[in-house]
Amino acid sequence: MCEARKIQGLLLITDLLIGKLAEHEDINEGDAEDALLLRLTGDSSDAWASLLVNTLDENRDKIYEQCQAVIMAWHKHQEAKVDAREHCNKLSFAREEARMRFEQKKKNADKS
């Protein structure tokens, strides 16, 4: 389940990045906000929007990789359940065989 929670976090990041990207769409080159961004960060609104788009692309790839990890973990879990079930069946069969042998030896001992 930990792997699935990581996807939830990545989706939250995506939503936040899209929200920030939408804010930068409203800023025109030369606006007061653009000038403030340029003065405080050294980059214009367009540069920040480009960075956000690139980050969204990277985040999308990370979501894809994480989904694959979840699917692989789910398959491993399913295989482990099957293996455990088979192991339990073998143990039950061995226990039943041992019980039958014990009862047979007990009968033979009672006859003697």
Protein backbone atom coordinates (compact mmCIF):
# COMPACT_ATOMS: atom_id res chain seq x y z
CA MET A 1 0.00 0.00 0.00
CA CYS A 2 2.96 2.31 0.54
CA GLU A 3 3.65 2.25 -3.19
CA ALA A 4 0.06 3.26 -3.95
CA ARG A 5 0.29 6.19 -1.50
CA LYS A 6 3.25 7.51 -3.46
CA ILE A 7 1.00 7.78 -6.52
CA GLN A 8 -1.47 9.82 -4.49
CA GLY A 9 1.34 12.23 -3.57
CA LEU A 10 2.49 12.49 -7.18
CA LEU A 11 -1.06 13.28 -8.29
CA LEU A 12 -1.28 16.00 -5.65
CA ILE A 13 1.96 17.48 -6.96
CA THR A 14 0.49 17.41 -10.47
CA ASP A 15 -2.59 19.32 -9.32
CA LEU A 16 -0.44 21.93 -7.58
CA LEU A 17 1.81 22.37 -10.61
CA ILE A 18 -1.17 22.76 -12.93
CA GLY A 19 -2.58 25.41 -10.58
CA LYS A 20 0.71 27.32 -10.62
CA LEU A 21 0.94 26.98 -14.39
CA ALA A 22 -2.55 28.49 -14.70
CA GLU A 23 -1.45 31.44 -12.60
CA HIS A 24 1.45 32.12 -15.00
CA GLU A 25 -0.89 32.07 -18.03
CA ASP A 26 -2.49 35.26 -16.69
CA ILE A 27 0.84 37.10 -16.49
CA ASN A 28 1.92 38.95 -19.62
CA GLU A 29 5.48 39.87 -20.43
CA GLY A 30 6.27 43.27 -18.99
CA ASP A 31 3.43 43.22 -16.40
CA ALA A 32 4.16 44.25 -12.85
CA GLU A 33 4.00 40.61 -11.72
CA ASP A 34 6.42 39.57 -14.47
CA ALA A 35 8.82 42.34 -13.47
CA LEU A 36 8.55 41.30 -9.82
CA LEU A 37 9.28 37.67 -10.68
CA LEU A 38 12.25 38.73 -12.77
CA ARG A 39 13.58 40.94 -10.00
CA LEU A 40 13.09 38.35 -7.19
CA THR A 41 14.03 35.15 -9.01
CA GLY A 42 15.98 36.20 -12.06
CA ASP A 43 13.47 34.46 -14.33
CA SER A 44 10.40 35.79 -16.12
CA SER A 45 6.94 34.31 -15.92
CA ASP A 46 7.50 32.55 -19.26
CA ALA A 47 10.66 30.90 -17.90
CA TRP A 48 8.76 29.75 -14.82
CA ALA A 49 5.90 28.43 -16.97
CA SER A 50 8.42 26.49 -19.06
CA LEU A 51 9.96 25.05 -15.90
CA LEU A 52 6.53 24.02 -14.64
CA VAL A 53 5.70 22.29 -17.94
CA ASN A 54 8.99 20.39 -17.83
CA THR A 55 8.36 19.42 -14.21
CA LEU A 56 4.87 18.23 -15.10
CA ASP A 57 6.37 16.02 -17.82
CA GLU A 58 8.88 14.57 -15.36
CA ASN A 59 6.13 14.06 -12.80
CA ARG A 60 3.97 12.25 -15.37
CA ASP A 61 6.85 9.88 -16.09
CA LYS A 62 7.31 9.30 -12.35
CA ILE A 63 3.60 8.51 -11.98
CA TYR A 64 3.89 5.98 -14.80
CA GLU A 65 6.90 4.34 -13.14
CA GLN A 66 5.16 4.29 -9.78
CA CYS A 67 2.05 2.70 -11.30
CA GLN A 68 4.26 -0.03 -12.71
CA ALA A 69 5.79 -0.54 -9.25
CA VAL A 70 2.30 -0.89 -7.74
CA ILE A 71 1.29 -3.42 -10.38
CA MET A 72 4.47 -5.43 -9.78
CA ALA A 73 3.92 -5.33 -6.02
CA TRP A 74 0.33 -6.50 -6.49
CA HIS A 75 1.47 -9.41 -8.68
CA LYS A 76 4.13 -10.41 -6.13
CA HIS A 77 1.49 -10.28 -3.42
CA GLN A 78 -0.82 -12.51 -5.45
CA GLU A 79 2.00 -14.99 -6.09
CA ALA A 80 2.87 -15.01 -2.39
CA LYS A 81 -0.75 -15.76 -1.50
CA VAL A 82 -0.80 -18.71 -3.91
CA ASP A 83 2.52 -19.99 -2.55
CA ALA A 84 1.28 -19.65 1.03
CA ARG A 85 -1.94 -21.48 0.19
CA GLU A 86 0.01 -24.32 -1.46
CA HIS A 87 2.36 -24.50 1.52
CA CYS A 88 -0.58 -24.69 3.94
CA ASN A 89 -2.19 -27.43 1.86
CA LYS A 90 1.05 -29.44 1.90
CA LEU A 91 1.36 -29.01 5.66
CA SER A 92 -2.24 -30.09 6.17
CA PHE A 93 -1.68 -33.14 3.99
CA ALA A 94 1.53 -34.04 5.88
CA ARG A 95 -0.22 -33.55 9.23
CA GLU A 96 -3.08 -35.83 8.12
CA GLU A 97 -0.62 -38.48 6.93
CA ALA A 98 1.27 -38.32 10.22
CA ARG A 99 -1.98 -38.61 12.17
CA MET A 100 -3.00 -41.67 10.13
CA ARG A 101 0.42 -43.33 10.64
CA PHE A 102 0.27 -42.59 14.36
CA GLU A 103 -3.20 -44.11 14.64
CA GLN A 104 -2.04 -47.16 12.65
CA LYS A 105 0.98 -47.63 14.95
CA LYS A 106 -1.29 -47.18 17.95
CA LYS A 107 -3.63 -49.89 16.65
CA ASN A 108 -0.70 -52.21 15.98
CA ALA A 109 0.68 -51.55 19.45
CA ASP A 110 -2.75 -52.23 21.03
CA LYS A 111 -2.95 -55.58 19.16
CA SER A 112 0.44 -56.64 20.47
